Amino acid sequence: MDAKEIIEAFRAPSRLWTRGELTTRPSPIPPANGIYGWYFDELPSPGIPDIGTIVGPWALLYIGIAPGSPGSASNLRKRLRNHLTGNARGSTLRLTLGCLLAERLGISPFAASGKLHFGEAESNLSAWLDVHARVTWVEHPEPWSVEADVVRGLGVPLNRAHNDAHAFYPVVGDARKRMRDQLR
């Protein structure tokens, strides 16, 4: 699949999965390379402009890839599990959502090995994802080769990589900076 076909797949996904469905065993997530998209029925922040991809009540706000580069041992199953059950130290999506939802969810930052996370309050973020998030994916042998075109083509506001021209880019950066500043 080329970037245009992947973009179309995210505009009309065949299925959106819940966090609960994806954390079962055996996992429905393939241990393959690919691109995944996160859809939300509630915006994590006011002022997110130009939501371009809407599927029913779900707005596509974030795109990720697995692995991130050739030679990496990551895959869709490993990477999505990190977002679904991990913490903000290992998930850019969780970090961004936590920064944007901090006040609403009552979460505060902690630092470990120089990386931000939300400690015990990660469970608050997981509970919010349970209700407000859905995920889908497209398998692709070299997702890093199409990531930039897919991110730009879909206009997903929560991505930082390949997205500095998006109007929401500075808002995400400011929210993350505020969290880091709280630790000082």
Protein backbone atom coordinates (compact mmCIF):
# COMPACT_ATOMS: atom_id res chain seq x y z
CA MET A 1 0.00 0.00 0.00
CA ASP A 2 1.17 3.49 -0.72
CA ALA A 3 0.48 6.53 1.49
CA LYS A 4 -2.71 7.47 -0.39
CA GLU A 5 -4.19 4.00 0.09
CA ILE A 6 -3.28 4.05 3.78
CA ILE A 7 -4.89 7.48 4.21
CA GLU A 8 -8.07 6.15 2.60
CA ALA A 9 -8.01 3.11 4.90
CA PHE A 10 -7.95 5.42 7.94
CA ARG A 11 -10.73 7.57 6.50
CA ALA A 12 -12.95 4.50 6.20
CA PRO A 13 -11.70 1.87 8.67
CA SER A 14 -13.30 -1.55 8.60
CA ARG A 15 -13.26 -1.72 12.41
CA LEU A 16 -12.45 0.42 15.43
CA TRP A 17 -11.26 -1.54 18.47
CA THR A 18 -11.71 -0.69 22.14
CA ARG A 19 -8.87 -0.79 24.65
CA GLY A 20 -10.61 -3.70 26.39
CA GLU A 21 -10.81 -5.74 23.19
CA LEU A 22 -7.14 -5.16 22.47
CA THR A 23 -5.83 -6.12 25.89
CA THR A 24 -7.33 -9.63 25.82
CA ARG A 25 -5.39 -12.83 25.26
CA PRO A 26 -4.88 -14.01 22.64
CA SER A 27 -4.37 -10.56 21.23
CA PRO A 28 -6.26 -9.60 18.07
CA ILE A 29 -3.35 -7.26 17.19
CA PRO A 30 -1.04 -8.88 14.64
CA PRO A 31 2.67 -9.13 15.44
CA ALA A 32 3.37 -7.34 12.15
CA ASN A 33 4.78 -4.02 10.95
CA GLY A 34 2.26 -1.29 10.31
CA ILE A 35 0.59 2.02 11.00
CA TYR A 36 -2.08 2.55 13.63
CA GLY A 37 -4.62 5.29 14.18
CA TRP A 38 -6.29 6.53 17.38
CA TYR A 39 -9.83 7.90 17.18
CA PHE A 40 -11.60 9.76 20.00
CA ASP A 41 -15.22 10.68 20.68
CA GLU A 42 -14.19 13.45 23.06
CA LEU A 43 -11.48 15.97 22.29
CA PRO A 44 -8.70 15.94 24.90
CA SER A 45 -8.32 19.70 24.56
CA PRO A 46 -10.44 22.62 23.42
CA GLY A 47 -9.29 24.38 20.31
CA ILE A 48 -8.22 21.38 18.24
CA PRO A 49 -8.70 22.81 14.74
CA ASP A 50 -9.88 21.19 11.53
CA ILE A 51 -10.70 17.65 12.58
CA GLY A 52 -10.45 16.09 9.14
CA THR A 53 -11.23 12.39 9.53
CA ILE A 54 -14.50 11.58 11.26
CA VAL A 55 -15.96 8.08 11.50
CA GLY A 56 -19.35 8.31 13.19
CA PRO A 57 -18.67 9.98 16.55
CA TRP A 58 -14.94 9.21 16.31
CA ALA A 59 -12.31 11.76 15.22
CA LEU A 60 -8.88 10.53 14.12
CA LEU A 61 -6.36 12.50 16.19
CA TYR A 62 -3.13 10.44 16.20
CA ILE A 63 -1.13 8.18 13.89
CA GLY A 64 1.75 5.94 14.99
CA ILE A 65 4.00 3.36 13.40
CA ALA A 66 5.65 0.14 14.47
CA PRO A 67 8.48 -0.38 14.15
CA GLY A 68 9.86 3.14 14.00
CA SER A 69 12.89 2.16 11.94
CA PRO A 70 14.45 -0.76 10.08
CA GLY A 71 15.97 -3.35 12.39
CA SER A 72 13.74 -2.55 15.35
CA ALA A 73 12.17 -5.51 17.13
CA SER A 74 8.91 -3.62 17.68
CA ASN A 75 5.67 -4.45 15.88
CA LEU A 76 2.03 -3.41 16.02
CA ARG A 77 1.20 -5.72 18.92
CA LYS A 78 4.13 -4.58 21.08
CA ARG A 79 3.71 -0.90 20.30
CA LEU A 80 -0.04 -0.79 20.79
CA ARG A 81 0.27 -2.70 24.10
CA ASN A 82 2.67 0.02 25.21
CA HIS A 83 0.03 2.68 24.47
CA LEU A 84 -2.81 0.59 25.89
CA THR A 85 -1.25 -0.64 29.14
CA GLY A 86 2.08 1.15 29.54
CA ASN A 87 2.88 4.61 30.79
CA ALA A 88 3.82 8.00 29.39
CA ARG A 89 7.55 7.16 29.61
CA GLY A 90 7.14 4.73 26.73
CA SER A 91 4.17 6.21 24.89
CA THR A 92 4.20 9.59 23.18
CA LEU A 93 0.43 9.33 22.83
CA ARG A 94 -0.08 8.78 26.58
CA LEU A 95 2.32 11.62 27.33
CA THR A 96 0.48 14.03 25.06
CA LEU A 97 -2.97 12.99 26.29
CA GLY A 98 -1.84 13.19 29.91
CA CYS A 99 -0.51 16.70 29.40
CA LEU A 100 -3.69 17.84 27.68
CA LEU A 101 -6.03 16.11 30.16
CA ALA A 102 -4.02 16.68 33.36
CA GLU A 103 -6.41 19.08 35.05
CA ARG A 104 -9.55 17.21 34.00
CA LEU A 105 -8.17 13.82 35.12
CA GLY A 106 -6.34 15.09 38.20
CA ILE A 107 -2.94 13.85 37.12
CA SER A 108 0.48 15.32 37.87
CA PRO A 109 3.85 14.60 36.32
CA PHE A 110 6.69 12.54 37.74
CA ALA A 111 10.13 11.99 36.28
CA ALA A 112 11.97 8.69 35.98
CA SER A 113 15.24 8.36 34.11
CA GLY A 114 14.67 11.83 32.73
CA LYS A 115 11.30 10.94 31.21
CA LEU A 116 7.89 12.21 32.22
CA HIS A 117 5.14 9.87 33.41
CA PHE A 118 2.04 10.14 35.59
CA GLY A 119 2.70 7.50 38.23
CA GLU A 120 -0.38 5.96 39.84
CA ALA A 121 -2.58 8.35 37.83
CA GLU A 122 -1.74 6.46 34.63
CA SER A 123 -4.83 4.43 35.59
CA ASN A 124 -6.95 7.60 35.24
CA LEU A 125 -5.62 7.99 31.71
CA SER A 126 -6.33 4.32 30.95
CA ALA A 127 -9.89 4.72 32.22
CA TRP A 128 -10.36 7.75 29.96
CA LEU A 129 -9.03 5.74 27.00
CA ASP A 130 -11.46 2.92 27.84
CA VAL A 131 -14.38 5.27 27.33
CA HIS A 132 -13.18 7.75 24.71
CA ALA A 133 -10.66 6.00 22.44
CA ARG A 134 -10.75 3.51 19.59
CA VAL A 135 -7.88 2.09 17.53
CA THR A 136 -7.36 0.57 14.12
CA TRP A 137 -4.30 -0.35 12.08
CA VAL A 138 -3.03 -1.10 8.61
CA GLU A 139 -0.22 -3.57 8.07
CA HIS A 140 2.72 -2.22 6.07
CA PRO A 141 6.19 -3.77 5.68
CA GLU A 142 8.05 -0.43 6.02
CA PRO A 143 5.80 2.01 7.91
CA TRP A 144 8.64 4.52 8.42
CA SER A 145 8.76 5.01 4.66
CA VAL A 146 5.19 6.40 4.52
CA GLU A 147 4.73 7.86 8.01
CA ALA A 148 5.41 11.50 7.10
CA ASP A 149 3.03 11.45 4.11
CA VAL A 150 0.28 9.73 6.14
CA VAL A 151 0.60 12.14 9.10
CA ARG A 152 0.53 15.18 6.83
CA GLY A 153 -2.19 13.73 4.60
CA LEU A 154 -4.52 13.05 7.53
CA GLY A 155 -3.80 16.26 9.44
CA VAL A 156 -3.79 14.53 12.82
CA PRO A 157 -3.43 17.19 15.54
CA LEU A 158 -1.79 15.15 18.32
CA ASN A 159 1.27 14.06 16.33
CA ARG A 160 4.53 15.93 16.84
CA ALA A 161 6.74 14.16 14.29
CA HIS A 162 6.25 15.33 10.70
CA ASN A 163 3.56 17.73 11.85
CA ASP A 164 5.13 21.09 12.70
CA ALA A 165 2.94 22.87 10.12
CA HIS A 166 -0.27 21.79 11.90
CA ALA A 167 -2.03 24.62 13.76
CA PHE A 168 -2.25 22.52 16.96
CA TYR A 169 1.48 21.68 17.01
CA PRO A 170 2.45 24.55 19.36
CA VAL A 171 -0.44 23.78 21.74
CA VAL A 172 0.82 20.21 22.23
CA GLY A 173 4.37 21.49 22.70
CA ASP A 174 3.23 24.08 25.26
CA ALA A 175 1.21 21.49 27.22
CA ARG A 176 4.22 19.20 27.42
CA LYS A 177 6.48 22.09 28.45
CA ARG A 178 4.07 23.06 31.25
CA MET A 179 4.24 19.50 32.60
CA ARG A 180 8.04 19.52 32.53
CA ASP A 181 8.07 22.92 34.23
CA GLN A 182 5.91 21.53 37.07
CA LEU A 183 8.75 19.18 37.95
CA ARG A 184 11.25 22.01 38.39
